[in-house]
Amino acid sequence: MTEITPDSMTAFEQTRVADLAAFYRALAALSETPTLDDLLALEPPLRGRLEALSPSLISETEAQALSRLLQGMIDSCVKALGH
């Protein structure tokens, strides 16, 4: 059994924060995508990144919320590109 120590909890939270920040940066970058094809090409890697976070770093509820956020951002970007 792995012992949970304050240091291991700090390391876990640091990893969680870094991975979530990277996901949010990638999500924000969708708004700078110049074409629909480029936008749609970014969706699978973002979904993969999200799947990699769950369940080790985020709960299923968080994963579902982030998935909806991702879909909403993609839908908005598609409309912003005129499609």
PDB file of N, CA and C in Angstrom:
ATOM      1  N   MET A   1       0.842  -1.182   0.000  1.00  0.00           N
ATOM      2  CA  MET A   1       0.000   0.000   0.000  1.00  0.00           C
ATOM      3  C   MET A   1       0.884   1.241   0.000  1.00  0.00           C
ATOM      4  N   THR A   2       0.542   2.208  -0.815  1.00  0.00           N
ATOM      5  CA  THR A   2       1.308   3.436  -0.912  1.00  0.00           C
ATOM      6  C   THR A   2       0.929   4.368   0.227  1.00  0.00           C
ATOM      7  N   GLU A   3       1.948   4.865   0.899  1.00  0.00           N
ATOM      8  CA  GLU A   3       1.712   5.798   1.995  1.00  0.00           C
ATOM      9  C   GLU A   3       1.428   7.187   1.425  1.00  0.00           C
ATOM     10  N   ILE A   4       0.389   7.817   1.934  1.00  0.00           N
ATOM     11  CA  ILE A   4       0.055   9.174   1.518  1.00  0.00           C
ATOM     12  C   ILE A   4       0.677  10.131   2.520  1.00  0.00           C
ATOM     13  N   THR A   5       1.552  10.972   2.020  1.00  0.00           N
ATOM     14  CA  THR A   5       2.238  11.949   2.861  1.00  0.00           C
ATOM     15  C   THR A   5       1.906  13.350   2.358  1.00  0.00           C
ATOM     16  N   PRO A   6       2.181  14.354   3.182  1.00  0.00           N
ATOM     17  CA  PRO A   6       1.959  15.724   2.699  1.00  0.00           C
ATOM     18  C   PRO A   6       2.729  16.015   1.411  1.00  0.00           C
ATOM     19  N   ASP A   7       3.951  15.492   1.295  1.00  0.00           N
ATOM     20  CA  ASP A   7       4.736  15.713   0.082  1.00  0.00           C
ATOM     21  C   ASP A   7       4.092  15.051  -1.134  1.00  0.00           C
ATOM     22  N   SER A   8       3.551  13.845  -0.948  1.00  0.00           N
ATOM     23  CA  SER A   8       2.925  13.166  -2.085  1.00  0.00           C
ATOM     24  C   SER A   8       1.633  13.869  -2.490  1.00  0.00           C
ATOM     25  N   MET A   9       0.910  14.420  -1.534  1.00  0.00           N
ATOM     26  CA  MET A   9      -0.309  15.168  -1.851  1.00  0.00           C
ATOM     27  C   MET A   9       0.033  16.463  -2.585  1.00  0.00           C
ATOM     28  N   THR A  10       1.097  17.120  -2.159  1.00  0.00           N
ATOM     29  CA  THR A  10       1.537  18.340  -2.836  1.00  0.00           C
ATOM     30  C   THR A  10       1.948  18.023  -4.263  1.00  0.00           C
ATOM     31  N   ALA A  11       2.691  16.952  -4.449  1.00  0.00           N
ATOM     32  CA  ALA A  11       3.124  16.553  -5.792  1.00  0.00           C
ATOM     33  C   ALA A  11       1.918  16.227  -6.667  1.00  0.00           C
ATOM     34  N   PHE A  12       0.938  15.541  -6.098  1.00  0.00           N
ATOM     35  CA  PHE A  12      -0.282  15.219  -6.842  1.00  0.00           C
ATOM     36  C   PHE A  12      -0.986  16.495  -7.291  1.00  0.00           C
ATOM     37  N   GLU A  13      -1.172  17.434  -6.376  1.00  0.00           N
ATOM     38  CA  GLU A  13      -1.872  18.680  -6.714  1.00  0.00           C
ATOM     39  C   GLU A  13      -1.092  19.501  -7.728  1.00  0.00           C
ATOM     40  N   GLN A  14       0.231  19.495  -7.627  1.00  0.00           N
ATOM     41  CA  GLN A  14       1.044  20.220  -8.604  1.00  0.00           C
ATOM     42  C   GLN A  14       0.876  19.612  -9.998  1.00  0.00           C
ATOM     43  N   THR A  15       0.861  18.297 -10.067  1.00  0.00           N
ATOM     44  CA  THR A  15       0.654  17.609 -11.342  1.00  0.00           C
ATOM     45  C   THR A  15      -0.735  17.901 -11.887  1.00  0.00           C
ATOM     46  N   ARG A  16      -1.718  17.827 -11.019  1.00  0.00           N
ATOM     47  CA  ARG A  16      -3.110  18.092 -11.413  1.00  0.00           C
ATOM     48  C   ARG A  16      -3.246  19.506 -11.972  1.00  0.00           C
ATOM     49  N   VAL A  17      -2.712  20.480 -11.260  1.00  0.00           N
ATOM     50  CA  VAL A  17      -2.811  21.878 -11.695  1.00  0.00           C
ATOM     51  C   VAL A  17      -2.096  22.081 -13.030  1.00  0.00           C
ATOM     52  N   ALA A  18      -0.910  21.520 -13.171  1.00  0.00           N
ATOM     53  CA  ALA A  18      -0.149  21.677 -14.419  1.00  0.00           C
ATOM     54  C   ALA A  18      -0.890  21.050 -15.596  1.00  0.00           C
ATOM     55  N   ASP A  19      -1.444  19.857 -15.405  1.00  0.00           N
ATOM     56  CA  ASP A  19      -2.158  19.180 -16.492  1.00  0.00           C
ATOM     57  C   ASP A  19      -3.464  19.893 -16.844  1.00  0.00           C
ATOM     58  N   LEU A  20      -4.175  20.374 -15.838  1.00  0.00           N
ATOM     59  CA  LEU A  20      -5.402  21.120 -16.116  1.00  0.00           C
ATOM     60  C   LEU A  20      -5.095  22.445 -16.810  1.00  0.00           C
ATOM     61  N   ALA A  21      -4.032  23.112 -16.387  1.00  0.00           N
ATOM     62  CA  ALA A  21      -3.644  24.371 -17.030  1.00  0.00           C
ATOM     63  C   ALA A  21      -3.291  24.141 -18.496  1.00  0.00           C
ATOM     64  N   ALA A  22      -2.588  23.061 -18.780  1.00  0.00           N
ATOM     65  CA  ALA A  22      -2.236  22.739 -20.169  1.00  0.00           C
ATOM     66  C   ALA A  22      -3.499  22.470 -20.989  1.00  0.00           C
ATOM     67  N   PHE A  23      -4.462  21.782 -20.397  1.00  0.00           N
ATOM     68  CA  PHE A  23      -5.727  21.525 -21.093  1.00  0.00           C
ATOM     69  C   PHE A  23      -6.448  22.839 -21.394  1.00  0.00           C
ATOM     70  N   TYR A  24      -6.533  23.723 -20.405  1.00  0.00           N
ATOM     71  CA  TYR A  24      -7.215  25.008 -20.612  1.00  0.00           C
ATOM     72  C   TYR A  24      -6.498  25.875 -21.645  1.00  0.00           C
ATOM     73  N   ARG A  25      -5.168  25.845 -21.665  1.00  0.00           N
ATOM     74  CA  ARG A  25      -4.426  26.597 -22.689  1.00  0.00           C
ATOM     75  C   ARG A  25      -4.742  26.053 -24.083  1.00  0.00           C
ATOM     76  N   ALA A  26      -4.772  24.733 -24.207  1.00  0.00           N
ATOM     77  CA  ALA A  26      -5.097  24.117 -25.498  1.00  0.00           C
ATOM     78  C   ALA A  26      -6.538  24.435 -25.897  1.00  0.00           C
ATOM     79  N   LEU A  27      -7.427  24.460 -24.927  1.00  0.00           N
ATOM     80  CA  LEU A  27      -8.819  24.816 -25.184  1.00  0.00           C
ATOM     81  C   LEU A  27      -8.912  26.258 -25.688  1.00  0.00           C
ATOM     82  N   ALA A  28      -8.202  27.158 -25.044  1.00  0.00           N
ATOM     83  CA  ALA A  28      -8.205  28.564 -25.463  1.00  0.00           C
ATOM     84  C   ALA A  28      -7.600  28.732 -26.853  1.00  0.00           C
ATOM     85  N   ALA A  29      -6.619  27.919 -27.178  1.00  0.00           N
ATOM     86  CA  ALA A  29      -5.964  28.014 -28.489  1.00  0.00           C
ATOM     87  C   ALA A  29      -6.920  27.689 -29.632  1.00  0.00           C
ATOM     88  N   LEU A  30      -8.000  26.982 -29.342  1.00  0.00           N
ATOM     89  CA  LEU A  30      -8.989  26.694 -30.383  1.00  0.00           C
ATOM     90  C   LEU A  30      -9.520  27.985 -30.997  1.00  0.00           C
ATOM     91  N   SER A  31      -9.594  29.036 -30.203  1.00  0.00           N
ATOM     92  CA  SER A  31     -10.148  30.302 -30.694  1.00  0.00           C
ATOM     93  C   SER A  31      -9.254  30.967 -31.734  1.00  0.00           C
ATOM     94  N   GLU A  32      -8.022  30.529 -31.841  1.00  0.00           N
ATOM     95  CA  GLU A  32      -7.078  31.111 -32.791  1.00  0.00           C
ATOM     96  C   GLU A  32      -6.924  30.266 -34.057  1.00  0.00           C
ATOM     97  N   THR A  33      -7.700  29.202 -34.151  1.00  0.00           N
ATOM     98  CA  THR A  33      -7.607  28.301 -35.296  1.00  0.00           C
ATOM     99  C   THR A  33      -8.198  28.974 -36.533  1.00  0.00           C
ATOM    100  N   PRO A  34      -7.432  29.032 -37.641  1.00  0.00           N
ATOM    101  CA  PRO A  34      -7.879  29.805 -38.806  1.00  0.00           C
ATOM    102  C   PRO A  34      -8.897  29.113 -39.721  1.00  0.00           C
ATOM    103  N   THR A  35      -8.953  27.776 -39.693  1.00  0.00           N
ATOM    104  CA  THR A  35      -9.870  27.078 -40.604  1.00  0.00           C
ATOM    105  C   THR A  35     -10.640  25.992 -39.865  1.00  0.00           C
ATOM    106  N   LEU A  36     -11.751  25.608 -40.453  1.00  0.00           N
ATOM    107  CA  LEU A  36     -12.561  24.540 -39.873  1.00  0.00           C
ATOM    108  C   LEU A  36     -11.777  23.230 -39.819  1.00  0.00           C
ATOM    109  N   ASP A  37     -11.036  22.919 -40.874  1.00  0.00           N
ATOM    110  CA  ASP A  37     -10.243  21.681 -40.886  1.00  0.00           C
ATOM    111  C   ASP A  37      -9.217  21.676 -39.760  1.00  0.00           C
ATOM    112  N   ASP A  38      -8.557  22.811 -39.549  1.00  0.00           N
ATOM    113  CA  ASP A  38      -7.578  22.905 -38.462  1.00  0.00           C
ATOM    114  C   ASP A  38      -8.258  22.722 -37.109  1.00  0.00           C
ATOM    115  N   LEU A  39      -9.414  23.336 -36.955  1.00  0.00           N
ATOM    116  CA  LEU A  39     -10.164  23.218 -35.706  1.00  0.00           C
ATOM    117  C   LEU A  39     -10.536  21.768 -35.434  1.00  0.00           C
ATOM    118  N   LEU A  40     -11.101  21.114 -36.433  1.00  0.00           N
ATOM    119  CA  LEU A  40     -11.537  19.727 -36.253  1.00  0.00           C
ATOM    120  C   LEU A  40     -10.363  18.784 -36.023  1.00  0.00           C
ATOM    121  N   ALA A  41      -9.197  19.127 -36.550  1.00  0.00           N
ATOM    122  CA  ALA A  41      -8.004  18.299 -36.326  1.00  0.00           C
ATOM    123  C   ALA A  41      -7.517  18.393 -34.887  1.00  0.00           C
ATOM    124  N   LEU A  42      -7.849  19.477 -34.196  1.00  0.00           N
ATOM    125  CA  LEU A  42      -7.410  19.648 -32.810  1.00  0.00           C
ATOM    126  C   LEU A  42      -8.316  18.943 -31.804  1.00  0.00           C
ATOM    127  N   GLU A  43      -9.513  18.590 -32.224  1.00  0.00           N
ATOM    128  CA  GLU A  43     -10.454  17.962 -31.290  1.00  0.00           C
ATOM    129  C   GLU A  43      -9.974  16.609 -30.759  1.00  0.00           C
ATOM    130  N   PRO A  44      -9.555  15.657 -31.601  1.00  0.00           N
ATOM    131  CA  PRO A  44      -9.146  14.352 -31.059  1.00  0.00           C
ATOM    132  C   PRO A  44      -7.992  14.427 -30.045  1.00  0.00           C
ATOM    133  N   PRO A  45      -6.945  15.220 -30.304  1.00  0.00           N
ATOM    134  CA  PRO A  45      -5.893  15.298 -29.286  1.00  0.00           C
ATOM    135  C   PRO A  45      -6.385  15.892 -27.960  1.00  0.00           C
ATOM    136  N   LEU A  46      -7.287  16.868 -28.041  1.00  0.00           N
ATOM    137  CA  LEU A  46      -7.830  17.445 -26.808  1.00  0.00           C
ATOM    138  C   LEU A  46      -8.686  16.435 -26.059  1.00  0.00           C
ATOM    139  N   ARG A  47      -9.486  15.683 -26.784  1.00  0.00           N
ATOM    140  CA  ARG A  47     -10.293  14.638 -26.129  1.00  0.00           C
ATOM    141  C   ARG A  47      -9.379  13.575 -25.511  1.00  0.00           C
ATOM    142  N   GLY A  48      -8.296  13.242 -26.210  1.00  0.00           N
ATOM    143  CA  GLY A  48      -7.331  12.290 -25.664  1.00  0.00           C
ATOM    144  C   GLY A  48      -6.667  12.802 -24.402  1.00  0.00           C
ATOM    145  N   ARG A  49      -6.330  14.078 -24.406  1.00  0.00           N
ATOM    146  CA  ARG A  49      -5.729  14.687 -23.212  1.00  0.00           C
ATOM    147  C   ARG A  49      -6.701  14.628 -22.043  1.00  0.00           C
ATOM    148  N   LEU A  50      -7.965  14.898 -22.321  1.00  0.00           N
ATOM    149  CA  LEU A  50      -8.991  14.842 -21.285  1.00  0.00           C
ATOM    150  C   LEU A  50      -9.152  13.422 -20.747  1.00  0.00           C
ATOM    151  N   GLU A  51      -9.172  12.448 -21.636  1.00  0.00           N
ATOM    152  CA  GLU A  51      -9.283  11.047 -21.207  1.00  0.00           C
ATOM    153  C   GLU A  51      -8.092  10.633 -20.352  1.00  0.00           C
ATOM    154  N   ALA A  52      -6.913  11.169 -20.663  1.00  0.00           N
ATOM    155  CA  ALA A  52      -5.717  10.832 -19.893  1.00  0.00           C
ATOM    156  C   ALA A  52      -5.782  11.391 -18.472  1.00  0.00           C
ATOM    157  N   LEU A  53      -6.526  12.459 -18.282  1.00  0.00           N
ATOM    158  CA  LEU A  53      -6.653  13.055 -16.947  1.00  0.00           C
ATOM    159  C   LEU A  53      -7.568  12.251 -16.030  1.00  0.00           C
ATOM    160  N   SER A  54      -8.521  11.540 -16.616  1.00  0.00           N
ATOM    161  CA  SER A  54      -9.533  10.853 -15.830  1.00  0.00           C
ATOM    162  C   SER A  54      -9.274   9.354 -15.806  1.00  0.00           C
ATOM    163  N   PRO A  55      -9.373   8.693 -14.707  1.00  0.00           N
ATOM    164  CA  PRO A  55      -9.788   9.152 -13.387  1.00  0.00           C
ATOM    165  C   PRO A  55      -8.625   9.465 -12.444  1.00  0.00           C
ATOM    166  N   SER A  56      -7.402   9.417 -12.943  1.00  0.00           N
ATOM    167  CA  SER A  56      -6.270   9.574 -12.024  1.00  0.00           C
ATOM    168  C   SER A  56      -6.123  10.985 -11.470  1.00  0.00           C
ATOM    169  N   LEU A  57      -6.429  12.011 -12.269  1.00  0.00           N
ATOM    170  CA  LEU A  57      -6.231  13.384 -11.806  1.00  0.00           C
ATOM    171  C   LEU A  57      -7.525  14.179 -11.658  1.00  0.00           C
ATOM    172  N   ILE A  58      -8.578  13.759 -12.347  1.00  0.00           N
ATOM    173  CA  ILE A  58      -9.866  14.434 -12.208  1.00  0.00           C
ATOM    174  C   ILE A  58     -10.965  13.391 -12.051  1.00  0.00           C
ATOM    175  N   SER A  59     -12.035  13.809 -11.398  1.00  0.00           N
ATOM    176  CA  SER A  59     -13.160  12.896 -11.191  1.00  0.00           C
ATOM    177  C   SER A  59     -13.963  12.743 -12.480  1.00  0.00           C
ATOM    178  N   GLU A  60     -14.832  11.766 -12.497  1.00  0.00           N
ATOM    179  CA  GLU A  60     -15.704  11.551 -13.646  1.00  0.00           C
ATOM    180  C   GLU A  60     -16.604  12.769 -13.866  1.00  0.00           C
ATOM    181  N   THR A  61     -17.074  13.361 -12.787  1.00  0.00           N
ATOM    182  CA  THR A  61     -17.909  14.560 -12.891  1.00  0.00           C
ATOM    183  C   THR A  61     -17.135  15.704 -13.529  1.00  0.00           C
ATOM    184  N   GLU A  62     -15.887  15.893 -13.111  1.00  0.00           N
ATOM    185  CA  GLU A  62     -15.050  16.932 -13.716  1.00  0.00           C
ATOM    186  C   GLU A  62     -14.803  16.634 -15.194  1.00  0.00           C
ATOM    187  N   ALA A  63     -14.553  15.380 -15.509  1.00  0.00           N
ATOM    188  CA  ALA A  63     -14.305  14.989 -16.900  1.00  0.00           C
ATOM    189  C   ALA A  63     -15.525  15.289 -17.769  1.00  0.00           C
ATOM    190  N   GLN A  64     -16.708  14.991 -17.260  1.00  0.00           N
ATOM    191  CA  GLN A  64     -17.930  15.267 -18.017  1.00  0.00           C
ATOM    192  C   GLN A  64     -18.114  16.770 -18.231  1.00  0.00           C
ATOM    193  N   ALA A  65     -17.852  17.549 -17.193  1.00  0.00           N
ATOM    194  CA  ALA A  65     -17.987  19.004 -17.313  1.00  0.00           C
ATOM    195  C   ALA A  65     -16.980  19.566 -18.311  1.00  0.00           C
ATOM    196  N   LEU A  66     -15.752  19.089 -18.253  1.00  0.00           N
ATOM    197  CA  LEU A  66     -14.730  19.568 -19.186  1.00  0.00           C
ATOM    198  C   LEU A  66     -15.032  19.119 -20.615  1.00  0.00           C
ATOM    199  N   SER A  67     -15.604  17.948 -20.764  1.00  0.00           N
ATOM    200  CA  SER A  67     -15.995  17.473 -22.090  1.00  0.00           C
ATOM    201  C   SER A  67     -17.082  18.374 -22.682  1.00  0.00           C
ATOM    202  N   ARG A  68     -18.049  18.758 -21.851  1.00  0.00           N
ATOM    203  CA  ARG A  68     -19.098  19.678 -22.317  1.00  0.00           C
ATOM    204  C   ARG A  68     -18.507  21.048 -22.649  1.00  0.00           C
ATOM    205  N   LEU A  69     -17.572  21.501 -21.838  1.00  0.00           N
ATOM    206  CA  LEU A  69     -16.899  22.772 -22.102  1.00  0.00           C
ATOM    207  C   LEU A  69     -16.152  22.713 -23.431  1.00  0.00           C
ATOM    208  N   LEU A  70     -15.440  21.618 -23.668  1.00  0.00           N
ATOM    209  CA  LEU A  70     -14.717  21.430 -24.922  1.00  0.00           C
ATOM    210  C   LEU A  70     -15.681  21.449 -26.105  1.00  0.00           C
ATOM    211  N   GLN A  71     -16.777  20.721 -25.997  1.00  0.00           N
ATOM    212  CA  GLN A  71     -17.744  20.686 -27.097  1.00  0.00           C
ATOM    213  C   GLN A  71     -18.347  22.064 -27.338  1.00  0.00           C
ATOM    214  N   GLY A  72     -18.640  22.783 -26.269  1.00  0.00           N
ATOM    215  CA  GLY A  72     -19.177  24.129 -26.410  1.00  0.00           C
ATOM    216  C   GLY A  72     -18.198  25.066 -27.097  1.00  0.00           C
ATOM    217  N   MET A  73     -16.924  24.945 -26.752  1.00  0.00           N
ATOM    218  CA  MET A  73     -15.903  25.784 -27.379  1.00  0.00           C
ATOM    219  C   MET A  73     -15.771  25.443 -28.860  1.00  0.00           C
ATOM    220  N   ILE A  74     -15.773  24.166 -29.181  1.00  0.00           N
ATOM    221  CA  ILE A  74     -15.690  23.751 -30.589  1.00  0.00           C
ATOM    222  C   ILE A  74     -16.897  24.288 -31.359  1.00  0.00           C
ATOM    223  N   ASP A  75     -18.081  24.139 -30.793  1.00  0.00           N
ATOM    224  CA  ASP A  75     -19.292  24.631 -31.460  1.00  0.00           C
ATOM    225  C   ASP A  75     -19.217  26.140 -31.693  1.00  0.00           C
ATOM    226  N   SER A  76     -18.751  26.878 -30.697  1.00  0.00           N
ATOM    227  CA  SER A  76     -18.621  28.333 -30.837  1.00  0.00           C
ATOM    228  C   SER A  76     -17.590  28.704 -31.890  1.00  0.00           C
ATOM    229  N   CYS A  77     -16.481  27.987 -31.909  1.00  0.00           N
ATOM    230  CA  CYS A  77     -15.435  28.268 -32.900  1.00  0.00           C
ATOM    231  C   CYS A  77     -15.917  27.955 -34.314  1.00  0.00           C
ATOM    232  N   VAL A  78     -16.676  26.876 -34.465  1.00  0.00           N
ATOM    233  CA  VAL A  78     -17.239  26.541 -35.779  1.00  0.00           C
ATOM    234  C   VAL A  78     -18.118  27.694 -36.261  1.00  0.00           C
ATOM    235  N   LYS A  79     -18.958  28.213 -35.383  1.00  0.00           N
ATOM    236  CA  LYS A  79     -19.828  29.337 -35.750  1.00  0.00           C
ATOM    237  C   LYS A  79     -19.007  30.585 -36.050  1.00  0.00           C
ATOM    238  N   ALA A  80     -17.962  30.823 -35.263  1.00  0.00           N
ATOM    239  CA  ALA A  80     -17.113  31.996 -35.484  1.00  0.00           C
ATOM    240  C   ALA A  80     -16.390  31.921 -36.825  1.00  0.00           C
ATOM    241  N   LEU A  81     -16.148  30.703 -37.295  1.00  0.00           N
ATOM    242  CA  LEU A  81     -15.511  30.518 -38.600  1.00  0.00           C
ATOM    243  C   LEU A  81     -16.522  30.595 -39.747  1.00  0.00           C
ATOM    244  N   GLY A  82     -17.789  30.821 -39.402  1.00  0.00           N
ATOM    245  CA  GLY A  82     -18.813  30.997 -40.423  1.00  0.00           C
ATOM    246  C   GLY A  82     -19.456  29.728 -40.923  1.00  0.00           C
ATOM    247  N   HIS A  83     -19.404  28.680 -40.121  1.00  0.00           N
ATOM    248  CA  HIS A  83     -19.996  27.399 -40.541  1.00  0.00           C
ATOM    249  C   HIS A  83     -21.183  27.040 -39.672  1.00  0.00           C
TER     250      HIS A  83
END
